[in-house]
Amino acid sequence: MRSQIAKKLEDDVRTAFERATEGTGSPEDLIKAVRVLVRGLKKEGRPPENVVVTVKRLCGLSPIAVAADTDSNAVTSVSKRISDMVVRAAIDEYYAGTRKGPPPWKGYSVELEDLSS
């Protein structure tokens, strides 16, 4: 049984994703919610693939990458870019602290600026 905290974190990600893709919320808020959730799931001992699938499920994304998902030219919609950003944020947060160099989220400001175009 999931704890109330885990349920709230999942609801936060789901709501933040909906708002970001509708334009009523910011991608920054979504990334923050994803990071918090990922830290919690990792602390529970979940493997990275389980964490990514959980985040994708919460955002209504397919848990399996299809050929079009790997082609950066296939879809350039804001929704697709936000979806890609969410998956990258989940992976980066899961492995944060295990790599040398600057924190992996340093580049998000550039990606977030791209969403305004």
PDB file of N, CA and C in Angstrom:
ATOM      1  N   MET A   1       0.836  -1.185   0.000  1.00  0.00           N
ATOM      2  CA  MET A   1       0.000   0.000   0.000  1.00  0.00           C
ATOM      3  C   MET A   1       0.881   1.248   0.000  1.00  0.00           C
ATOM      4  N   ARG A   2       0.574   2.171  -0.878  1.00  0.00           N
ATOM      5  CA  ARG A   2       1.345   3.407  -0.970  1.00  0.00           C
ATOM      6  C   ARG A   2       1.024   4.324   0.204  1.00  0.00           C
ATOM      7  N   SER A   3       2.033   5.037   0.627  1.00  0.00           N
ATOM      8  CA  SER A   3       1.830   5.998   1.704  1.00  0.00           C
ATOM      9  C   SER A   3       1.101   7.228   1.163  1.00  0.00           C
ATOM     10  N   GLN A   4       0.566   8.010   2.077  1.00  0.00           N
ATOM     11  CA  GLN A   4      -0.106   9.254   1.686  1.00  0.00           C
ATOM     12  C   GLN A   4       0.883  10.208   1.019  1.00  0.00           C
ATOM     13  N   ILE A   5       2.116  10.200   1.514  1.00  0.00           N
ATOM     14  CA  ILE A   5       3.132  11.080   0.935  1.00  0.00           C
ATOM     15  C   ILE A   5       3.427  10.672  -0.504  1.00  0.00           C
ATOM     16  N   ALA A   6       3.601   9.364  -0.748  1.00  0.00           N
ATOM     17  CA  ALA A   6       3.869   8.875  -2.105  1.00  0.00           C
ATOM     18  C   ALA A   6       2.717   9.228  -3.037  1.00  0.00           C
ATOM     19  N   LYS A   7       1.503   9.075  -2.569  1.00  0.00           N
ATOM     20  CA  LYS A   7       0.333   9.411  -3.390  1.00  0.00           C
ATOM     21  C   LYS A   7       0.316  10.894  -3.719  1.00  0.00           C
ATOM     22  N   LYS A   8       0.632  11.736  -2.737  1.00  0.00           N
ATOM     23  CA  LYS A   8       0.650  13.178  -2.974  1.00  0.00           C
ATOM     24  C   LYS A   8       1.730  13.537  -3.996  1.00  0.00           C
ATOM     25  N   LEU A   9       2.912  12.939  -3.870  1.00  0.00           N
ATOM     26  CA  LEU A   9       3.989  13.228  -4.820  1.00  0.00           C
ATOM     27  C   LEU A   9       3.583  12.819  -6.236  1.00  0.00           C
ATOM     28  N   GLU A  10       2.932  11.676  -6.356  1.00  0.00           N
ATOM     29  CA  GLU A  10       2.456  11.225  -7.670  1.00  0.00           C
ATOM     30  C   GLU A  10       1.396  12.183  -8.216  1.00  0.00           C
ATOM     31  N   ASP A  11       0.471  12.602  -7.368  1.00  0.00           N
ATOM     32  CA  ASP A  11      -0.558  13.560  -7.788  1.00  0.00           C
ATOM     33  C   ASP A  11       0.072  14.885  -8.215  1.00  0.00           C
ATOM     34  N   ASP A  12       1.117  15.312  -7.496  1.00  0.00           N
ATOM     35  CA  ASP A  12       1.806  16.554  -7.842  1.00  0.00           C
ATOM     36  C   ASP A  12       2.400  16.481  -9.246  1.00  0.00           C
ATOM     37  N   VAL A  13       3.026  15.352  -9.572  1.00  0.00           N
ATOM     38  CA  VAL A  13       3.615  15.188 -10.910  1.00  0.00           C
ATOM     39  C   VAL A  13       2.518  15.175 -11.970  1.00  0.00           C
ATOM     40  N   ARG A  14       1.478  14.414 -11.732  1.00  0.00           N
ATOM     41  CA  ARG A  14       0.380  14.314 -12.688  1.00  0.00           C
ATOM     42  C   ARG A  14      -0.235  15.698 -12.962  1.00  0.00           C
ATOM     43  N   THR A  15      -0.515  16.438 -11.906  1.00  0.00           N
ATOM     44  CA  THR A  15      -1.121  17.763 -12.034  1.00  0.00           C
ATOM     45  C   THR A  15      -0.166  18.742 -12.712  1.00  0.00           C
ATOM     46  N   ALA A  16       1.097  18.719 -12.315  1.00  0.00           N
ATOM     47  CA  ALA A  16       2.086  19.627 -12.911  1.00  0.00           C
ATOM     48  C   ALA A  16       2.260  19.345 -14.401  1.00  0.00           C
ATOM     49  N   PHE A  17       2.218  18.065 -14.794  1.00  0.00           N
ATOM     50  CA  PHE A  17       2.342  17.720 -16.212  1.00  0.00           C
ATOM     51  C   PHE A  17       1.138  18.251 -16.993  1.00  0.00           C
ATOM     52  N   GLU A  18      -0.051  18.033 -16.461  1.00  0.00           N
ATOM     53  CA  GLU A  18      -1.260  18.534 -17.127  1.00  0.00           C
ATOM     54  C   GLU A  18      -1.201  20.038 -17.303  1.00  0.00           C
ATOM     55  N   ARG A  19      -0.818  20.730 -16.251  1.00  0.00           N
ATOM     56  CA  ARG A  19      -0.749  22.196 -16.315  1.00  0.00           C
ATOM     57  C   ARG A  19       0.318  22.667 -17.295  1.00  0.00           C
ATOM     58  N   ALA A  20       1.479  22.010 -17.289  1.00  0.00           N
ATOM     59  CA  ALA A  20       2.563  22.417 -18.187  1.00  0.00           C
ATOM     60  C   ALA A  20       2.171  22.220 -19.644  1.00  0.00           C
ATOM     61  N   THR A  21       1.509  21.110 -19.948  1.00  0.00           N
ATOM     62  CA  THR A  21       1.143  20.853 -21.344  1.00  0.00           C
ATOM     63  C   THR A  21      -0.043  21.707 -21.789  1.00  0.00           C
ATOM     64  N   GLU A  22      -0.867  22.140 -20.840  1.00  0.00           N
ATOM     65  CA  GLU A  22      -1.994  23.023 -21.171  1.00  0.00           C
ATOM     66  C   GLU A  22      -1.579  24.485 -21.231  1.00  0.00           C
ATOM     67  N   GLY A  23      -0.400  24.792 -20.714  1.00  0.00           N
ATOM     68  CA  GLY A  23       0.066  26.166 -20.697  1.00  0.00           C
ATOM     69  C   GLY A  23      -0.372  26.946 -19.470  1.00  0.00           C
ATOM     70  N   THR A  24      -0.996  26.274 -18.501  1.00  0.00           N
ATOM     71  CA  THR A  24      -1.444  26.959 -17.289  1.00  0.00           C
ATOM     72  C   THR A  24      -0.454  26.804 -16.145  1.00  0.00           C
ATOM     73  N   GLY A  25       0.577  26.009 -16.353  1.00  0.00           N
ATOM     74  CA  GLY A  25       1.612  25.797 -15.345  1.00  0.00           C
ATOM     75  C   GLY A  25       2.968  25.874 -15.999  1.00  0.00           C
ATOM     76  N   SER A  26       3.992  25.960 -15.182  1.00  0.00           N
ATOM     77  CA  SER A  26       5.329  26.108 -15.741  1.00  0.00           C
ATOM     78  C   SER A  26       6.062  24.770 -15.819  1.00  0.00           C
ATOM     79  N   PRO A  27       6.900  24.623 -16.834  1.00  0.00           N
ATOM     80  CA  PRO A  27       7.739  23.434 -16.910  1.00  0.00           C
ATOM     81  C   PRO A  27       8.672  23.322 -15.706  1.00  0.00           C
ATOM     82  N   GLU A  28       9.076  24.460 -15.150  1.00  0.00           N
ATOM     83  CA  GLU A  28       9.949  24.438 -13.969  1.00  0.00           C
ATOM     84  C   GLU A  28       9.257  23.740 -12.803  1.00  0.00           C
ATOM     85  N   ASP A  29       7.972  24.023 -12.594  1.00  0.00           N
ATOM     86  CA  ASP A  29       7.228  23.375 -11.522  1.00  0.00           C
ATOM     87  C   ASP A  29       7.130  21.871 -11.758  1.00  0.00           C
ATOM     88  N   LEU A  30       6.952  21.485 -13.011  1.00  0.00           N
ATOM     89  CA  LEU A  30       6.890  20.070 -13.356  1.00  0.00           C
ATOM     90  C   LEU A  30       8.214  19.380 -13.048  1.00  0.00           C
ATOM     91  N   ILE A  31       9.311  19.998 -13.443  1.00  0.00           N
ATOM     92  CA  ILE A  31      10.631  19.413 -13.194  1.00  0.00           C
ATOM     93  C   ILE A  31      10.874  19.276 -11.696  1.00  0.00           C
ATOM     94  N   LYS A  32      10.496  20.274 -10.930  1.00  0.00           N
ATOM     95  CA  LYS A  32      10.650  20.197  -9.464  1.00  0.00           C
ATOM     96  C   LYS A  32       9.857  19.024  -8.906  1.00  0.00           C
ATOM     97  N   ALA A  33       8.610  18.868  -9.353  1.00  0.00           N
ATOM     98  CA  ALA A  33       7.768  17.767  -8.865  1.00  0.00           C
ATOM     99  C   ALA A  33       8.359  16.416  -9.243  1.00  0.00           C
ATOM    100  N   VAL A  34       8.879  16.298 -10.459  1.00  0.00           N
ATOM    101  CA  VAL A  34       9.497  15.047 -10.904  1.00  0.00           C
ATOM    102  C   VAL A  34      10.718  14.731 -10.048  1.00  0.00           C
ATOM    103  N   ARG A  35      11.550  15.729  -9.794  1.00  0.00           N
ATOM    104  CA  ARG A  35      12.761  15.509  -8.990  1.00  0.00           C
ATOM    105  C   ARG A  35      12.416  14.994  -7.597  1.00  0.00           C
ATOM    106  N   VAL A  36      11.430  15.623  -6.957  1.00  0.00           N
ATOM    107  CA  VAL A  36      11.038  15.216  -5.603  1.00  0.00           C
ATOM    108  C   VAL A  36      10.524  13.780  -5.616  1.00  0.00           C
ATOM    109  N   LEU A  37       9.671  13.450  -6.590  1.00  0.00           N
ATOM    110  CA  LEU A  37       9.143  12.097  -6.689  1.00  0.00           C
ATOM    111  C   LEU A  37      10.261  11.084  -6.915  1.00  0.00           C
ATOM    112  N   VAL A  38      11.156  11.382  -7.839  1.00  0.00           N
ATOM    113  CA  VAL A  38      12.249  10.456  -8.154  1.00  0.00           C
ATOM    114  C   VAL A  38      13.123  10.209  -6.926  1.00  0.00           C
ATOM    115  N   ARG A  39      13.431  11.258  -6.177  1.00  0.00           N
ATOM    116  CA  ARG A  39      14.234  11.070  -4.961  1.00  0.00           C
ATOM    117  C   ARG A  39      13.525  10.129  -3.991  1.00  0.00           C
ATOM    118  N   GLY A  40      12.212  10.296  -3.855  1.00  0.00           N
ATOM    119  CA  GLY A  40      11.445   9.420  -2.970  1.00  0.00           C
ATOM    120  C   GLY A  40      11.433   7.980  -3.447  1.00  0.00           C
ATOM    121  N   LEU A  41      11.226   7.775  -4.737  1.00  0.00           N
ATOM    122  CA  LEU A  41      11.194   6.418  -5.284  1.00  0.00           C
ATOM    123  C   LEU A  41      12.565   5.751  -5.174  1.00  0.00           C
ATOM    124  N   LYS A  42      13.616   6.521  -5.405  1.00  0.00           N
ATOM    125  CA  LYS A  42      14.961   5.974  -5.290  1.00  0.00           C
ATOM    126  C   LYS A  42      15.247   5.590  -3.838  1.00  0.00           C
ATOM    127  N   LYS A  43      14.809   6.436  -2.921  1.00  0.00           N
ATOM    128  CA  LYS A  43      15.015   6.158  -1.498  1.00  0.00           C
ATOM    129  C   LYS A  43      14.303   4.873  -1.088  1.00  0.00           C
ATOM    130  N   GLU A  44      13.169   4.577  -1.749  1.00  0.00           N
ATOM    131  CA  GLU A  44      12.439   3.329  -1.492  1.00  0.00           C
ATOM    132  C   GLU A  44      13.178   2.116  -2.053  1.00  0.00           C
ATOM    133  N   GLY A  45      14.212   2.357  -2.859  1.00  0.00           N
ATOM    134  CA  GLY A  45      14.975   1.259  -3.439  1.00  0.00           C
ATOM    135  C   GLY A  45      14.498   0.823  -4.809  1.00  0.00           C
ATOM    136  N   ARG A  46      13.683   1.650  -5.445  1.00  0.00           N
ATOM    137  CA  ARG A  46      13.200   1.280  -6.779  1.00  0.00           C
ATOM    138  C   ARG A  46      14.321   1.392  -7.805  1.00  0.00           C
ATOM    139  N   PRO A  47      14.395   0.440  -8.734  1.00  0.00           N
ATOM    140  CA  PRO A  47      15.411   0.503  -9.789  1.00  0.00           C
ATOM    141  C   PRO A  47      15.073   1.619 -10.788  1.00  0.00           C
ATOM    142  N   PRO A  48      16.074   2.112 -11.519  1.00  0.00           N
ATOM    143  CA  PRO A  48      15.843   3.247 -12.421  1.00  0.00           C
ATOM    144  C   PRO A  48      14.759   2.997 -13.461  1.00  0.00           C
ATOM    145  N   GLU A  49      14.695   1.796 -14.021  1.00  0.00           N
ATOM    146  CA  GLU A  49      13.678   1.537 -15.054  1.00  0.00           C
ATOM    147  C   GLU A  49      12.272   1.621 -14.467  1.00  0.00           C
ATOM    148  N   ASN A  50      12.097   1.198 -13.223  1.00  0.00           N
ATOM    149  CA  ASN A  50      10.798   1.287 -12.561  1.00  0.00           C
ATOM    150  C   ASN A  50      10.425   2.744 -12.323  1.00  0.00           C
ATOM    151  N   VAL A  51      11.402   3.547 -11.943  1.00  0.00           N
ATOM    152  CA  VAL A  51      11.162   4.972 -11.693  1.00  0.00           C
ATOM    153  C   VAL A  51      10.738   5.667 -12.981  1.00  0.00           C
ATOM    154  N   VAL A  52      11.435   5.402 -14.071  1.00  0.00           N
ATOM    155  CA  VAL A  52      11.103   6.034 -15.352  1.00  0.00           C
ATOM    156  C   VAL A  52       9.702   5.618 -15.808  1.00  0.00           C
ATOM    157  N   VAL A  53       9.382   4.337 -15.686  1.00  0.00           N
ATOM    158  CA  VAL A  53       8.056   3.867 -16.084  1.00  0.00           C
ATOM    159  C   VAL A  53       6.977   4.518 -15.216  1.00  0.00           C
ATOM    160  N   THR A  54       7.236   4.661 -13.930  1.00  0.00           N
ATOM    161  CA  THR A  54       6.274   5.298 -13.032  1.00  0.00           C
ATOM    162  C   THR A  54       6.038   6.748 -13.441  1.00  0.00           C
ATOM    163  N   VAL A  55       7.105   7.483 -13.711  1.00  0.00           N
ATOM    164  CA  VAL A  55       6.969   8.884 -14.115  1.00  0.00           C
ATOM    165  C   VAL A  55       6.210   8.978 -15.436  1.00  0.00           C
ATOM    166  N   LYS A  56       6.548   8.114 -16.386  1.00  0.00           N
ATOM    167  CA  LYS A  56       5.836   8.125 -17.671  1.00  0.00           C
ATOM    168  C   LYS A  56       4.345   7.840 -17.477  1.00  0.00           C
ATOM    169  N   ARG A  57       4.036   6.859 -16.632  1.00  0.00           N
ATOM    170  CA  ARG A  57       2.631   6.508 -16.379  1.00  0.00           C
ATOM    171  C   ARG A  57       1.873   7.701 -15.794  1.00  0.00           C
ATOM    172  N   LEU A  58       2.481   8.374 -14.842  1.00  0.00           N
ATOM    173  CA  LEU A  58       1.836   9.514 -14.204  1.00  0.00           C
ATOM    174  C   LEU A  58       1.563  10.646 -15.188  1.00  0.00           C
ATOM    175  N   CYS A  59       2.408  10.742 -16.207  1.00  0.00           N
ATOM    176  CA  CYS A  59       2.256  11.795 -17.217  1.00  0.00           C
ATOM    177  C   CYS A  59       1.449  11.326 -18.423  1.00  0.00           C
ATOM    178  N   GLY A  60       0.914  10.119 -18.352  1.00  0.00           N
ATOM    179  CA  GLY A  60       0.111   9.606 -19.455  1.00  0.00           C
ATOM    180  C   GLY A  60       0.920   9.257 -20.681  1.00  0.00           C
ATOM    181  N   LEU A  61       2.202   8.956 -20.480  1.00  0.00           N
ATOM    182  CA  LEU A  61       3.076   8.611 -21.594  1.00  0.00           C
ATOM    183  C   LEU A  61       3.203   7.104 -21.727  1.00  0.00           C
ATOM    184  N   SER A  62       3.521   6.660 -22.923  1.00  0.00           N
ATOM    185  CA  SER A  62       3.747   5.247 -23.148  1.00  0.00           C
ATOM    186  C   SER A  62       5.000   4.814 -22.398  1.00  0.00           C
ATOM    187  N   PRO A  63       4.934   3.705 -21.656  1.00  0.00           N
ATOM    188  CA  PRO A  63       6.116   3.253 -20.926  1.00  0.00           C
ATOM    189  C   PRO A  63       7.201   2.689 -21.837  1.00  0.00           C
ATOM    190  N   ILE A  64       6.870   2.484 -23.098  1.00  0.00           N
ATOM    191  CA  ILE A  64       7.809   1.894 -24.048  1.00  0.00           C
ATOM    192  C   ILE A  64       8.119   2.921 -25.133  1.00  0.00           C
ATOM    193  N   ALA A  65       9.396   3.112 -25.416  1.00  0.00           N
ATOM    194  CA  ALA A  65       9.795   4.011 -26.497  1.00  0.00           C
ATOM    195  C   ALA A  65       9.493   3.336 -27.827  1.00  0.00           C
ATOM    196  N   VAL A  66       8.925   4.095 -28.736  1.00  0.00           N
ATOM    197  CA  VAL A  66       8.696   3.586 -30.088  1.00  0.00           C
ATOM    198  C   VAL A  66       9.637   4.318 -31.028  1.00  0.00           C
ATOM    199  N   ALA A  67       9.753   3.843 -32.240  1.00  0.00           N
ATOM    200  CA  ALA A  67      10.719   4.407 -33.180  1.00  0.00           C
ATOM    201  C   ALA A  67      10.594   5.916 -33.314  1.00  0.00           C
ATOM    202  N   ALA A  68       9.394   6.439 -33.372  1.00  0.00           N
ATOM    203  CA  ALA A  68       9.204   7.879 -33.523  1.00  0.00           C
ATOM    204  C   ALA A  68       9.741   8.639 -32.312  1.00  0.00           C
ATOM    205  N   ASP A  69       9.727   8.004 -31.134  1.00  0.00           N
ATOM    206  CA  ASP A  69      10.221   8.666 -29.931  1.00  0.00           C
ATOM    207  C   ASP A  69      11.719   8.918 -29.993  1.00  0.00           C
ATOM    208  N   THR A  70      12.434   8.129 -30.747  1.00  0.00           N
ATOM    209  CA  THR A  70      13.880   8.277 -30.807  1.00  0.00           C
ATOM    210  C   THR A  70      14.308   9.220 -31.912  1.00  0.00           C
ATOM    211  N   ASP A  71      13.401   9.631 -32.765  1.00  0.00           N
ATOM    212  CA  ASP A  71      13.707  10.541 -33.854  1.00  0.00           C
ATOM    213  C   ASP A  71      13.385  11.963 -33.408  1.00  0.00           C
ATOM    214  N   SER A  72      14.415  12.752 -33.175  1.00  0.00           N
ATOM    215  CA  SER A  72      14.192  14.099 -32.659  1.00  0.00           C
ATOM    216  C   SER A  72      13.429  14.980 -33.640  1.00  0.00           C
ATOM    217  N   ASN A  73      13.388  14.618 -34.897  1.00  0.00           N
ATOM    218  CA  ASN A  73      12.652  15.402 -35.876  1.00  0.00           C
ATOM    219  C   ASN A  73      11.214  14.943 -36.041  1.00  0.00           C
ATOM    220  N   ALA A  74      10.828  13.855 -35.396  1.00  0.00           N
ATOM    221  CA  ALA A  74       9.497  13.279 -35.599  1.00  0.00           C
ATOM    222  C   ALA A  74       8.391  14.199 -35.115  1.00  0.00           C
ATOM    223  N   VAL A  75       8.495  14.712 -33.894  1.00  0.00           N
ATOM    224  CA  VAL A  75       7.462  15.567 -33.341  1.00  0.00           C
ATOM    225  C   VAL A  75       8.141  16.712 -32.620  1.00  0.00           C
ATOM    226  N   THR A  76       7.730  17.935 -32.897  1.00  0.00           N
ATOM    227  CA  THR A  76       8.337  19.079 -32.243  1.00  0.00           C
ATOM    228  C   THR A  76       7.321  19.868 -31.432  1.00  0.00           C
ATOM    229  N   SER A  77       6.229  19.251 -31.068  1.00  0.00           N
ATOM    230  CA  SER A  77       5.202  19.947 -30.303  1.00  0.00           C
ATOM    231  C   SER A  77       5.692  20.252 -28.894  1.00  0.00           C
ATOM    232  N   VAL A  78       5.069  21.230 -28.270  1.00  0.00           N
ATOM    233  CA  VAL A  78       5.406  21.574 -26.892  1.00  0.00           C
ATOM    234  C   VAL A  78       5.176  20.367 -25.990  1.00  0.00           C
ATOM    235  N   SER A  79       4.081  19.650 -26.201  1.00  0.00           N
ATOM    236  CA  SER A  79       3.782  18.474 -25.385  1.00  0.00           C
ATOM    237  C   SER A  79       4.887  17.434 -25.489  1.00  0.00           C
ATOM    238  N   LYS A  80       5.392  17.193 -26.674  1.00  0.00           N
ATOM    239  CA  LYS A  80       6.463  16.222 -26.883  1.00  0.00           C
ATOM    240  C   LYS A  80       7.746  16.687 -26.208  1.00  0.00           C
ATOM    241  N   ARG A  81       8.063  17.962 -26.341  1.00  0.00           N
ATOM    242  CA  ARG A  81       9.276  18.487 -25.709  1.00  0.00           C
ATOM    243  C   ARG A  81       9.180  18.404 -24.195  1.00  0.00           C
ATOM    244  N   ILE A  82       7.998  18.675 -23.642  1.00  0.00           N
ATOM    245  CA  ILE A  82       7.815  18.561 -22.195  1.00  0.00           C
ATOM    246  C   ILE A  82       7.946  17.105 -21.774  1.00  0.00           C
ATOM    247  N   SER A  83       7.369  16.197 -22.548  1.00  0.00           N
ATOM    248  CA  SER A  83       7.478  14.768 -22.241  1.00  0.00           C
ATOM    249  C   SER A  83       8.929  14.322 -22.228  1.00  0.00           C
ATOM    250  N   ASP A  84       9.686  14.732 -23.221  1.00  0.00           N
ATOM    251  CA  ASP A  84      11.111  14.382 -23.288  1.00  0.00           C
ATOM    252  C   ASP A  84      11.863  14.956 -22.093  1.00  0.00           C
ATOM    253  N   MET A  85      11.534  16.194 -21.730  1.00  0.00           N
ATOM    254  CA  MET A  85      12.190  16.854 -20.614  1.00  0.00           C
ATOM    255  C   MET A  85      11.909  16.119 -19.305  1.00  0.00           C
ATOM    256  N   VAL A  86      10.688  15.639 -19.141  1.00  0.00           N
ATOM    257  CA  VAL A  86      10.300  14.906 -17.928  1.00  0.00           C
ATOM    258  C   VAL A  86      11.121  13.622 -17.797  1.00  0.00           C
ATOM    259  N   VAL A  87      11.237  12.883 -18.871  1.00  0.00           N
ATOM    260  CA  VAL A  87      11.994  11.624 -18.836  1.00  0.00           C
ATOM    261  C   VAL A  87      13.469  11.904 -18.547  1.00  0.00           C
ATOM    262  N   ARG A  88      14.033  12.910 -19.202  1.00  0.00           N
ATOM    263  CA  ARG A  88      15.436  13.252 -18.933  1.00  0.00           C
ATOM    264  C   ARG A  88      15.625  13.693 -17.484  1.00  0.00           C
ATOM    265  N   ALA A  89      14.688  14.474 -16.970  1.00  0.00           N
ATOM    266  CA  ALA A  89      14.793  14.939 -15.583  1.00  0.00           C
ATOM    267  C   ALA A  89      14.740  13.766 -14.611  1.00  0.00           C
ATOM    268  N   ALA A  90      13.875  12.801 -14.888  1.00  0.00           N
ATOM    269  CA  ALA A  90      13.761  11.625 -14.018  1.00  0.00           C
ATOM    270  C   ALA A  90      15.075  10.841 -14.005  1.00  0.00           C
ATOM    271  N   ILE A  91      15.642  10.632 -15.168  1.00  0.00           N
ATOM    272  CA  ILE A  91      16.901   9.881 -15.265  1.00  0.00           C
ATOM    273  C   ILE A  91      18.040  10.665 -14.607  1.00  0.00           C
ATOM    274  N   ASP A  92      18.123  11.951 -14.917  1.00  0.00           N
ATOM    275  CA  ASP A  92      19.181  12.775 -14.332  1.00  0.00           C
ATOM    276  C   ASP A  92      19.079  12.825 -12.813  1.00  0.00           C
ATOM    277  N   GLU A  93      17.866  12.976 -12.306  1.00  0.00           N
ATOM    278  CA  GLU A  93      17.697  13.048 -10.853  1.00  0.00           C
ATOM    279  C   GLU A  93      18.032  11.718 -10.191  1.00  0.00           C
ATOM    280  N   TYR A  94      17.655  10.629 -10.842  1.00  0.00           N
ATOM    281  CA  TYR A  94      17.943   9.310 -10.269  1.00  0.00           C
ATOM    282  C   TYR A  94      19.447   9.131 -10.085  1.00  0.00           C
ATOM    283  N   TYR A  95      20.213   9.575 -11.059  1.00  0.00           N
ATOM    284  CA  TYR A  95      21.656   9.385 -11.015  1.00  0.00           C
ATOM    285  C   TYR A  95      22.419  10.584 -10.465  1.00  0.00           C
ATOM    286  N   ALA A  96      21.722  11.625 -10.028  1.00  0.00           N
ATOM    287  CA  ALA A  96      22.385  12.802  -9.462  1.00  0.00           C
ATOM    288  C   ALA A  96      23.261  12.372  -8.287  1.00  0.00           C
ATOM    289  N   GLY A  97      24.466  12.900  -8.248  1.00  0.00           N
ATOM    290  CA  GLY A  97      25.373  12.559  -7.161  1.00  0.00           C
ATOM    291  C   GLY A  97      26.232  11.349  -7.449  1.00  0.00           C
ATOM    292  N   THR A  98      25.891  10.594  -8.476  1.00  0.00           N
ATOM    293  CA  THR A  98      26.707   9.427  -8.795  1.00  0.00           C
ATOM    294  C   THR A  98      27.668   9.720  -9.938  1.00  0.00           C
ATOM    295  N   ARG A  99      27.519  10.892 -10.546  1.00  0.00           N
ATOM    296  CA  ARG A  99      28.410  11.295 -11.633  1.00  0.00           C
ATOM    297  C   ARG A  99      29.287  12.433 -11.168  1.00  0.00           C
ATOM    298  N   LYS A 100      30.420  12.577 -11.826  1.00  0.00           N
ATOM    299  CA  LYS A 100      31.281  13.714 -11.555  1.00  0.00           C
ATOM    300  C   LYS A 100      30.870  14.843 -12.484  1.00  0.00           C
ATOM    301  N   GLY A 101      31.110  16.055 -12.061  1.00  0.00           N
ATOM    302  CA  GLY A 101      30.789  17.209 -12.885  1.00  0.00           C
ATOM    303  C   GLY A 101      29.588  17.956 -12.339  1.00  0.00           C
ATOM    304  N   PRO A 102      29.110  18.954 -13.097  1.00  0.00           N
ATOM    305  CA  PRO A 102      28.006  19.789 -12.622  1.00  0.00           C
ATOM    306  C   PRO A 102      26.715  18.978 -12.532  1.00  0.00           C
ATOM    307  N   PRO A 103      25.780  19.394 -11.690  1.00  0.00           N
ATOM    308  CA  PRO A 103      24.496  18.693 -11.601  1.00  0.00           C
ATOM    309  C   PRO A 103      23.837  18.614 -12.977  1.00  0.00           C
ATOM    310  N   PRO A 104      23.204  17.500 -13.293  1.00  0.00           N
ATOM    311  CA  PRO A 104      22.660  17.303 -14.639  1.00  0.00           C
ATOM    312  C   PRO A 104      21.543  18.273 -14.996  1.00  0.00           C
ATOM    313  N   TRP A 105      20.917  18.909 -14.031  1.00  0.00           N
ATOM    314  CA  TRP A 105      19.790  19.778 -14.357  1.00  0.00           C
ATOM    315  C   TRP A 105      20.230  21.184 -14.740  1.00  0.00           C
ATOM    316  N   LYS A 106      21.514  21.453 -14.743  1.00  0.00           N
ATOM    317  CA  LYS A 106      21.999  22.791 -15.088  1.00  0.00           C
ATOM    318  C   LYS A 106      21.510  23.225 -16.473  1.00  0.00           C
ATOM    319  N   GLY A 107      21.349  22.310 -17.401  1.00  0.00           N
ATOM    320  CA  GLY A 107      20.960  22.668 -18.763  1.00  0.00           C
ATOM    321  C   GLY A 107      19.477  22.916 -18.964  1.00  0.00           C
ATOM    322  N   TYR A 108      18.663  22.717 -17.934  1.00  0.00           N
ATOM    323  CA  TYR A 108      17.226  22.849 -18.147  1.00  0.00           C
ATOM    324  C   TYR A 108      16.783  24.254 -18.489  1.00  0.00           C
ATOM    325  N   SER A 109      17.486  25.257 -18.033  1.00  0.00           N
ATOM    326  CA  SER A 109      17.047  26.613 -18.343  1.00  0.00           C
ATOM    327  C   SER A 109      17.026  26.831 -19.853  1.00  0.00           C
ATOM    328  N   VAL A 110      17.993  26.271 -20.551  1.00  0.00           N
ATOM    329  CA  VAL A 110      18.019  26.387 -22.004  1.00  0.00           C
ATOM    330  C   VAL A 110      16.824  25.666 -22.602  1.00  0.00           C
ATOM    331  N   GLU A 111      16.543  24.461 -22.143  1.00  0.00           N
ATOM    332  CA  GLU A 111      15.409  23.699 -22.657  1.00  0.00           C
ATOM    333  C   GLU A 111      14.103  24.427 -22.367  1.00  0.00           C
ATOM    334  N   LEU A 112      13.976  25.010 -21.200  1.00  0.00           N
ATOM    335  CA  LEU A 112      12.740  25.695 -20.833  1.00  0.00           C
ATOM    336  C   LEU A 112      12.546  26.933 -21.691  1.00  0.00           C
ATOM    337  N   GLU A 113      13.630  27.615 -22.039  1.00  0.00           N
ATOM    338  CA  GLU A 113      13.517  28.768 -22.925  1.00  0.00           C
ATOM    339  C   GLU A 113      12.999  28.342 -24.293  1.00  0.00           C
ATOM    340  N   ASP A 114      13.415  27.154 -24.743  1.00  0.00           N
ATOM    341  CA  ASP A 114      12.958  26.657 -26.035  1.00  0.00           C
ATOM    342  C   ASP A 114      11.460  26.436 -26.071  1.00  0.00           C
ATOM    343  N   LEU A 115      10.846  26.162 -24.934  1.00  0.00           N
ATOM    344  CA  LEU A 115       9.412  25.904 -24.890  1.00  0.00           C
ATOM    345  C   LEU A 115       8.600  27.152 -25.185  1.00  0.00           C
ATOM    346  N   SER A 116       9.171  28.305 -24.975  1.00  0.00           N
ATOM    347  CA  SER A 116       8.419  29.542 -25.192  1.00  0.00           C
ATOM    348  C   SER A 116       8.318  29.881 -26.672  1.00  0.00           C
ATOM    349  N   SER A 117       9.092  29.210 -27.517  1.00  0.00           N
ATOM    350  CA  SER A 117       9.041  29.506 -28.954  1.00  0.00           C
ATOM    351  C   SER A 117       7.944  28.774 -29.653  1.00  0.00           C
TER     352      SER A 117
END
